Amino acid sequence: MPDIELDDNYRPSEDEPFMNERQREYFRRKLLKWKEEIIREMRETLEHLQQDNEHQADIADRASTESDRALELRTRDRQRKLIAKIDAALARIDSGEYGYCEETGEPISLKRLEARPIATLSIEAQERHERMEKVYRDD
């Protein structure tokens, strides 16, 4: 794939063709940067957990440490799942499916993709899903 020039001020616009090469490259870079940040945070968490591996005599300190460790592990699990979603979005960019609603095939708004670059549903389809979840949850 040829290297596409993007200046730091570029933002996708409704005035250009949807998911053209510049937009795809913009979102690819946004996703890769996000993934790198998450991986860096995960490494820091792992280092912190390894450093905190000392034994504490005070039961309250031990309980606090265990609680902190459980929270960090839950956060890492969420980060791992988020990386999988980022990888899936990058694969959709490569396949040409990125930016289009999985349910309707319609373009997902640039504003939504800017706010949530891993989005797979348009706002309308997402709202339908949430309404359906609420209906089934209330039963």
N, C-alpha and C. Protein backbone atom coordinates (compact mmCIF):
# COMPACT_ATOMS: atom_id res chain seq x y z
N MET A 1 0.85 -1.17 0.00
CA MET A 1 0.00 0.00 0.00
C MET A 1 0.90 1.24 0.00
N PRO A 2 0.64 2.21 -0.88
CA PRO A 2 1.48 3.40 -0.92
C PRO A 2 1.29 4.22 0.36
N ASP A 3 2.39 4.90 0.77
CA ASP A 3 2.32 5.75 1.95
C ASP A 3 1.54 7.01 1.61
N ILE A 4 0.50 7.29 2.36
CA ILE A 4 -0.37 8.43 2.10
C ILE A 4 0.07 9.58 3.00
N GLU A 5 0.22 10.75 2.38
CA GLU A 5 0.61 11.95 3.13
C GLU A 5 -0.59 12.50 3.88
N LEU A 6 -0.47 12.63 5.19
CA LEU A 6 -1.49 13.27 6.02
C LEU A 6 -0.78 14.27 6.90
N ASP A 7 -1.20 15.51 6.85
CA ASP A 7 -0.61 16.45 7.80
C ASP A 7 -1.33 16.29 9.14
N ASP A 8 -0.71 16.82 10.19
CA ASP A 8 -1.24 16.64 11.55
C ASP A 8 -2.59 17.31 11.76
N ASN A 9 -2.95 18.23 10.88
CA ASN A 9 -4.21 18.97 11.02
C ASN A 9 -5.36 18.32 10.25
N TYR A 10 -5.07 17.27 9.48
CA TYR A 10 -6.12 16.64 8.67
C TYR A 10 -7.18 16.01 9.55
N ARG A 11 -8.44 16.27 9.20
CA ARG A 11 -9.59 15.62 9.82
C ARG A 11 -10.53 15.23 8.69
N PRO A 12 -11.07 14.00 8.74
CA PRO A 12 -12.03 13.60 7.71
C PRO A 12 -13.19 14.59 7.63
N SER A 13 -13.68 14.79 6.43
CA SER A 13 -14.74 15.77 6.21
C SER A 13 -15.84 15.17 5.36
N GLU A 14 -17.07 15.67 5.59
CA GLU A 14 -18.23 15.25 4.79
C GLU A 14 -18.09 15.73 3.34
N ASP A 15 -17.18 16.68 3.10
CA ASP A 15 -17.00 17.27 1.77
C ASP A 15 -16.18 16.39 0.84
N GLU A 16 -15.63 15.30 1.34
CA GLU A 16 -14.83 14.42 0.49
C GLU A 16 -15.51 13.06 0.39
N PRO A 17 -15.12 12.25 -0.60
CA PRO A 17 -15.75 10.93 -0.74
C PRO A 17 -15.55 10.11 0.53
N PHE A 18 -16.63 9.41 0.95
CA PHE A 18 -16.60 8.63 2.18
C PHE A 18 -15.61 7.48 2.07
N MET A 19 -14.80 7.33 3.09
CA MET A 19 -13.78 6.29 3.23
C MET A 19 -12.83 6.24 2.04
N ASN A 20 -12.42 7.43 1.61
CA ASN A 20 -11.37 7.48 0.58
C ASN A 20 -10.04 7.09 1.25
N GLU A 21 -8.96 7.05 0.47
CA GLU A 21 -7.68 6.59 1.01
C GLU A 21 -7.20 7.42 2.19
N ARG A 22 -7.39 8.73 2.13
CA ARG A 22 -6.94 9.60 3.23
C ARG A 22 -7.73 9.30 4.50
N GLN A 23 -9.03 9.12 4.37
CA GLN A 23 -9.84 8.81 5.56
C GLN A 23 -9.45 7.46 6.14
N ARG A 24 -9.26 6.47 5.29
CA ARG A 24 -8.87 5.14 5.79
C ARG A 24 -7.52 5.23 6.51
N GLU A 25 -6.58 5.95 5.93
CA GLU A 25 -5.26 6.09 6.54
C GLU A 25 -5.35 6.87 7.87
N TYR A 26 -6.19 7.89 7.89
CA TYR A 26 -6.40 8.66 9.12
C TYR A 26 -6.89 7.75 10.24
N PHE A 27 -7.93 6.93 9.95
CA PHE A 27 -8.47 6.05 10.98
C PHE A 27 -7.51 4.92 11.31
N ARG A 28 -6.74 4.43 10.34
CA ARG A 28 -5.73 3.40 10.62
C ARG A 28 -4.73 3.94 11.64
N ARG A 29 -4.24 5.15 11.40
CA ARG A 29 -3.25 5.74 12.31
C ARG A 29 -3.86 6.00 13.69
N LYS A 30 -5.11 6.46 13.71
CA LYS A 30 -5.80 6.72 14.99
C LYS A 30 -5.93 5.42 15.79
N LEU A 31 -6.31 4.34 15.12
CA LEU A 31 -6.47 3.05 15.78
C LEU A 31 -5.12 2.50 16.27
N LEU A 32 -4.08 2.62 15.43
CA LEU A 32 -2.76 2.12 15.81
C LEU A 32 -2.20 2.90 17.01
N LYS A 33 -2.41 4.21 17.01
CA LYS A 33 -1.94 5.02 18.13
C LYS A 33 -2.67 4.62 19.42
N TRP A 34 -3.98 4.41 19.32
CA TRP A 34 -4.79 3.99 20.47
C TRP A 34 -4.28 2.65 21.00
N LYS A 35 -4.03 1.71 20.08
CA LYS A 35 -3.55 0.39 20.46
C LYS A 35 -2.19 0.49 21.17
N GLU A 36 -1.29 1.32 20.64
CA GLU A 36 0.01 1.50 21.27
C GLU A 36 -0.13 2.05 22.69
N GLU A 37 -1.04 3.00 22.89
CA GLU A 37 -1.27 3.57 24.22
C GLU A 37 -1.77 2.50 25.19
N ILE A 38 -2.69 1.67 24.72
CA ILE A 38 -3.24 0.61 25.58
C ILE A 38 -2.15 -0.39 25.95
N ILE A 39 -1.32 -0.77 24.97
CA ILE A 39 -0.25 -1.74 25.23
C ILE A 39 0.75 -1.15 26.23
N ARG A 40 1.06 0.14 26.10
CA ARG A 40 1.97 0.80 27.04
C ARG A 40 1.37 0.76 28.45
N GLU A 41 0.07 1.08 28.56
CA GLU A 41 -0.60 1.04 29.87
C GLU A 41 -0.60 -0.37 30.45
N MET A 42 -0.79 -1.37 29.59
CA MET A 42 -0.80 -2.75 30.06
C MET A 42 0.57 -3.14 30.60
N ARG A 43 1.63 -2.70 29.91
CA ARG A 43 3.00 -2.99 30.39
C ARG A 43 3.24 -2.34 31.74
N GLU A 44 2.80 -1.09 31.88
CA GLU A 44 2.97 -0.39 33.16
C GLU A 44 2.22 -1.11 34.28
N THR A 45 1.02 -1.58 33.97
CA THR A 45 0.22 -2.31 34.96
C THR A 45 0.95 -3.59 35.37
N LEU A 46 1.48 -4.31 34.39
CA LEU A 46 2.19 -5.56 34.67
C LEU A 46 3.42 -5.29 35.53
N GLU A 47 4.17 -4.24 35.19
CA GLU A 47 5.34 -3.88 36.01
C GLU A 47 4.91 -3.54 37.43
N HIS A 48 3.82 -2.81 37.55
CA HIS A 48 3.31 -2.43 38.88
C HIS A 48 2.92 -3.67 39.68
N LEU A 49 2.23 -4.60 39.02
CA LEU A 49 1.82 -5.83 39.71
C LEU A 49 3.04 -6.62 40.17
N GLN A 50 4.09 -6.67 39.34
CA GLN A 50 5.29 -7.42 39.70
C GLN A 50 6.04 -6.75 40.85
N GLN A 51 6.05 -5.42 40.86
CA GLN A 51 6.72 -4.70 41.94
C GLN A 51 5.95 -4.82 43.25
N ASP A 52 4.65 -4.94 43.17
CA ASP A 52 3.80 -5.03 44.37
C ASP A 52 3.73 -6.43 44.94
N ASN A 53 4.59 -7.29 44.49
CA ASN A 53 4.50 -8.70 44.88
C ASN A 53 5.10 -8.97 46.26
N GLU A 54 5.36 -7.93 47.02
CA GLU A 54 5.92 -8.12 48.36
C GLU A 54 4.82 -8.55 49.34
N HIS A 55 5.21 -9.25 50.36
CA HIS A 55 4.24 -9.70 51.37
C HIS A 55 4.07 -8.62 52.43
N GLN A 56 2.84 -8.38 52.78
CA GLN A 56 2.55 -7.38 53.80
C GLN A 56 2.00 -8.07 55.04
N ALA A 57 2.51 -7.65 56.17
CA ALA A 57 2.11 -8.27 57.43
C ALA A 57 0.72 -7.83 57.86
N ASP A 58 0.39 -6.58 57.63
CA ASP A 58 -0.89 -6.05 58.08
C ASP A 58 -2.02 -6.57 57.20
N ILE A 59 -3.02 -7.15 57.82
CA ILE A 59 -4.13 -7.75 57.07
C ILE A 59 -4.91 -6.71 56.26
N ALA A 60 -5.06 -5.50 56.80
CA ALA A 60 -5.77 -4.44 56.07
C ALA A 60 -4.98 -4.03 54.82
N ASP A 61 -3.65 -3.93 54.97
CA ASP A 61 -2.81 -3.59 53.82
C ASP A 61 -2.89 -4.68 52.75
N ARG A 62 -2.89 -5.93 53.21
CA ARG A 62 -2.98 -7.05 52.26
C ARG A 62 -4.30 -7.02 51.53
N ALA A 63 -5.39 -6.77 52.26
CA ALA A 63 -6.72 -6.72 51.65
C ALA A 63 -6.80 -5.59 50.63
N SER A 64 -6.23 -4.45 50.97
CA SER A 64 -6.22 -3.30 50.06
C SER A 64 -5.42 -3.62 48.79
N THR A 65 -4.28 -4.26 48.98
CA THR A 65 -3.43 -4.63 47.84
C THR A 65 -4.16 -5.63 46.94
N GLU A 66 -4.80 -6.61 47.54
CA GLU A 66 -5.54 -7.61 46.76
C GLU A 66 -6.69 -6.96 45.98
N SER A 67 -7.37 -6.02 46.61
CA SER A 67 -8.46 -5.31 45.95
C SER A 67 -7.93 -4.50 44.76
N ASP A 68 -6.81 -3.81 44.98
CA ASP A 68 -6.19 -3.04 43.89
C ASP A 68 -5.76 -3.96 42.75
N ARG A 69 -5.19 -5.10 43.11
CA ARG A 69 -4.72 -6.05 42.10
C ARG A 69 -5.91 -6.60 41.28
N ALA A 70 -7.01 -6.90 41.94
CA ALA A 70 -8.20 -7.41 41.23
C ALA A 70 -8.73 -6.35 40.26
N LEU A 71 -8.74 -5.10 40.68
CA LEU A 71 -9.19 -4.02 39.81
C LEU A 71 -8.27 -3.88 38.60
N GLU A 72 -6.96 -3.94 38.83
CA GLU A 72 -6.01 -3.83 37.73
C GLU A 72 -6.17 -4.99 36.74
N LEU A 73 -6.42 -6.19 37.26
CA LEU A 73 -6.60 -7.35 36.38
C LEU A 73 -7.89 -7.22 35.55
N ARG A 74 -8.96 -6.69 36.16
CA ARG A 74 -10.20 -6.47 35.39
C ARG A 74 -9.96 -5.42 34.31
N THR A 75 -9.20 -4.39 34.65
CA THR A 75 -8.89 -3.35 33.67
C THR A 75 -8.07 -3.93 32.52
N ARG A 76 -7.10 -4.77 32.85
CA ARG A 76 -6.29 -5.41 31.80
C ARG A 76 -7.16 -6.29 30.90
N ASP A 77 -8.12 -6.97 31.47
CA ASP A 77 -9.00 -7.82 30.67
C ASP A 77 -9.82 -6.96 29.70
N ARG A 78 -10.33 -5.82 30.20
CA ARG A 78 -11.07 -4.90 29.31
C ARG A 78 -10.16 -4.37 28.21
N GLN A 79 -8.91 -4.06 28.57
CA GLN A 79 -7.96 -3.56 27.57
C GLN A 79 -7.67 -4.63 26.52
N ARG A 80 -7.55 -5.88 26.95
CA ARG A 80 -7.30 -6.97 26.01
C ARG A 80 -8.45 -7.09 25.01
N LYS A 81 -9.68 -6.98 25.52
CA LYS A 81 -10.85 -7.05 24.64
C LYS A 81 -10.89 -5.85 23.69
N LEU A 82 -10.49 -4.68 24.19
CA LEU A 82 -10.47 -3.48 23.36
C LEU A 82 -9.44 -3.63 22.24
N ILE A 83 -8.29 -4.21 22.55
CA ILE A 83 -7.28 -4.44 21.51
C ILE A 83 -7.83 -5.36 20.43
N ALA A 84 -8.58 -6.37 20.82
CA ALA A 84 -9.19 -7.27 19.83
C ALA A 84 -10.15 -6.49 18.92
N LYS A 85 -10.91 -5.54 19.50
CA LYS A 85 -11.82 -4.73 18.70
C LYS A 85 -11.05 -3.79 17.77
N ILE A 86 -9.94 -3.25 18.25
CA ILE A 86 -9.10 -2.39 17.41
C ILE A 86 -8.53 -3.21 16.26
N ASP A 87 -8.04 -4.41 16.54
CA ASP A 87 -7.50 -5.29 15.48
C ASP A 87 -8.58 -5.62 14.45
N ALA A 88 -9.81 -5.84 14.92
CA ALA A 88 -10.92 -6.13 14.00
C ALA A 88 -11.20 -4.90 13.12
N ALA A 89 -11.14 -3.70 13.71
CA ALA A 89 -11.36 -2.47 12.93
C ALA A 89 -10.26 -2.30 11.89
N LEU A 90 -9.02 -2.59 12.26
CA LEU A 90 -7.91 -2.50 11.31
C LEU A 90 -8.11 -3.50 10.16
N ALA A 91 -8.60 -4.68 10.48
CA ALA A 91 -8.87 -5.69 9.44
C ALA A 91 -9.99 -5.19 8.51
N ARG A 92 -10.99 -4.50 9.08
CA ARG A 92 -12.07 -3.96 8.24
C ARG A 92 -11.54 -2.85 7.32
N ILE A 93 -10.57 -2.08 7.81
CA ILE A 93 -9.96 -1.07 6.94
C ILE A 93 -9.29 -1.77 5.76
N ASP A 94 -8.53 -2.83 6.05
CA ASP A 94 -7.83 -3.57 4.99
C ASP A 94 -8.79 -4.21 3.98
N SER A 95 -9.94 -4.64 4.46
CA SER A 95 -10.90 -5.33 3.58
C SER A 95 -11.85 -4.36 2.88
N GLY A 96 -11.81 -3.08 3.28
CA GLY A 96 -12.71 -2.09 2.68
C GLY A 96 -14.08 -2.01 3.32
N GLU A 97 -14.28 -2.71 4.45
CA GLU A 97 -15.58 -2.72 5.13
C GLU A 97 -15.67 -1.66 6.22
N TYR A 98 -14.53 -1.04 6.57
CA TYR A 98 -14.50 -0.08 7.68
C TYR A 98 -15.37 1.13 7.37
N GLY A 99 -16.10 1.57 8.40
CA GLY A 99 -16.91 2.77 8.26
C GLY A 99 -18.33 2.50 7.81
N TYR A 100 -18.63 1.25 7.53
CA TYR A 100 -19.99 0.90 7.08
C TYR A 100 -20.66 0.03 8.15
N CYS A 101 -21.93 0.31 8.40
CA CYS A 101 -22.70 -0.39 9.40
C CYS A 101 -22.80 -1.88 9.05
N GLU A 102 -22.48 -2.74 10.01
CA GLU A 102 -22.57 -4.19 9.80
C GLU A 102 -23.99 -4.64 9.56
N GLU A 103 -24.95 -3.89 10.08
CA GLU A 103 -26.35 -4.29 9.98
C GLU A 103 -27.00 -3.78 8.70
N THR A 104 -26.77 -2.50 8.37
CA THR A 104 -27.48 -1.89 7.24
C THR A 104 -26.62 -1.69 6.00
N GLY A 105 -25.29 -1.70 6.18
CA GLY A 105 -24.40 -1.44 5.06
C GLY A 105 -24.24 0.05 4.76
N GLU A 106 -24.97 0.87 5.50
CA GLU A 106 -24.89 2.32 5.31
C GLU A 106 -23.63 2.88 5.97
N PRO A 107 -23.14 4.03 5.49
CA PRO A 107 -21.97 4.64 6.14
C PRO A 107 -22.28 5.03 7.58
N ILE A 108 -21.31 4.80 8.45
CA ILE A 108 -21.37 5.26 9.84
C ILE A 108 -20.87 6.70 9.80
N SER A 109 -21.52 7.59 10.51
CA SER A 109 -21.12 9.00 10.44
C SER A 109 -19.66 9.20 10.87
N LEU A 110 -19.00 10.16 10.23
CA LEU A 110 -17.62 10.46 10.57
C LEU A 110 -17.50 10.91 12.03
N LYS A 111 -18.50 11.64 12.51
CA LYS A 111 -18.48 12.08 13.91
C LYS A 111 -18.46 10.87 14.84
N ARG A 112 -19.27 9.86 14.53
CA ARG A 112 -19.31 8.65 15.37
C ARG A 112 -17.97 7.91 15.30
N LEU A 113 -17.41 7.80 14.10
CA LEU A 113 -16.13 7.10 13.95
C LEU A 113 -15.01 7.87 14.65
N GLU A 114 -15.10 9.18 14.62
CA GLU A 114 -14.09 10.00 15.30
C GLU A 114 -14.15 9.74 16.81
N ALA A 115 -15.36 9.69 17.34
CA ALA A 115 -15.55 9.47 18.78
C ALA A 115 -15.30 8.02 19.18
N ARG A 116 -15.68 7.09 18.31
CA ARG A 116 -15.56 5.66 18.61
C ARG A 116 -15.09 4.93 17.36
N PRO A 117 -13.78 4.96 17.10
CA PRO A 117 -13.26 4.40 15.84
C PRO A 117 -13.45 2.89 15.67
N ILE A 118 -13.88 2.21 16.75
CA ILE A 118 -14.13 0.77 16.63
C ILE A 118 -15.60 0.47 16.34
N ALA A 119 -16.39 1.52 16.15
CA ALA A 119 -17.84 1.33 15.93
C ALA A 119 -18.09 0.45 14.71
N THR A 120 -19.05 -0.46 14.85
CA THR A 120 -19.43 -1.33 13.74
C THR A 120 -20.88 -1.09 13.31
N LEU A 121 -21.59 -0.28 14.10
CA LEU A 121 -23.00 0.01 13.81
C LEU A 121 -23.20 1.51 13.72
N SER A 122 -24.13 1.92 12.85
CA SER A 122 -24.51 3.33 12.80
C SER A 122 -25.23 3.66 14.10
N ILE A 123 -25.40 4.94 14.36
CA ILE A 123 -26.11 5.37 15.59
C ILE A 123 -27.50 4.73 15.62
N GLU A 124 -28.20 4.76 14.49
CA GLU A 124 -29.57 4.24 14.44
C GLU A 124 -29.60 2.74 14.76
N ALA A 125 -28.68 1.99 14.15
CA ALA A 125 -28.64 0.54 14.40
C ALA A 125 -28.24 0.26 15.85
N GLN A 126 -27.31 1.05 16.40
CA GLN A 126 -26.89 0.88 17.79
C GLN A 126 -28.06 1.14 18.73
N GLU A 127 -28.82 2.21 18.45
CA GLU A 127 -29.98 2.52 19.29
C GLU A 127 -31.02 1.41 19.22
N ARG A 128 -31.23 0.83 18.03
CA ARG A 128 -32.16 -0.30 17.90
C ARG A 128 -31.71 -1.47 18.77
N HIS A 129 -30.41 -1.77 18.70
CA HIS A 129 -29.86 -2.87 19.51
C HIS A 129 -30.07 -2.61 20.99
N GLU A 130 -29.82 -1.38 21.41
CA GLU A 130 -29.98 -1.05 22.83
C GLU A 130 -31.44 -1.13 23.26
N ARG A 131 -32.35 -0.71 22.39
CA ARG A 131 -33.78 -0.84 22.72
C ARG A 131 -34.17 -2.30 22.83
N MET A 132 -33.68 -3.13 21.92
CA MET A 132 -34.01 -4.56 21.96
C MET A 132 -33.43 -5.20 23.23
N GLU A 133 -32.20 -4.83 23.60
CA GLU A 133 -31.61 -5.37 24.83
C GLU A 133 -32.46 -4.99 26.03
N LYS A 134 -32.94 -3.76 26.05
CA LYS A 134 -33.75 -3.28 27.17
C LYS A 134 -35.07 -4.06 27.23
N VAL A 135 -35.68 -4.30 26.08
CA VAL A 135 -36.94 -5.05 26.05
C VAL A 135 -36.73 -6.45 26.59
N TYR A 136 -35.66 -7.12 26.16
CA TYR A 136 -35.42 -8.49 26.62
C TYR A 136 -34.94 -8.53 28.06
N ARG A 137 -34.24 -7.51 28.49
CA ARG A 137 -33.76 -7.45 29.87
C ARG A 137 -34.92 -7.25 30.84
N ASP A 138 -35.92 -6.48 30.42
CA ASP A 138 -37.05 -6.17 31.30
C ASP A 138 -37.98 -7.37 31.52
N ASP A 139 -37.85 -8.38 30.68
CA ASP A 139 -38.74 -9.57 30.82
C ASP A 139 -38.38 -10.42 32.00
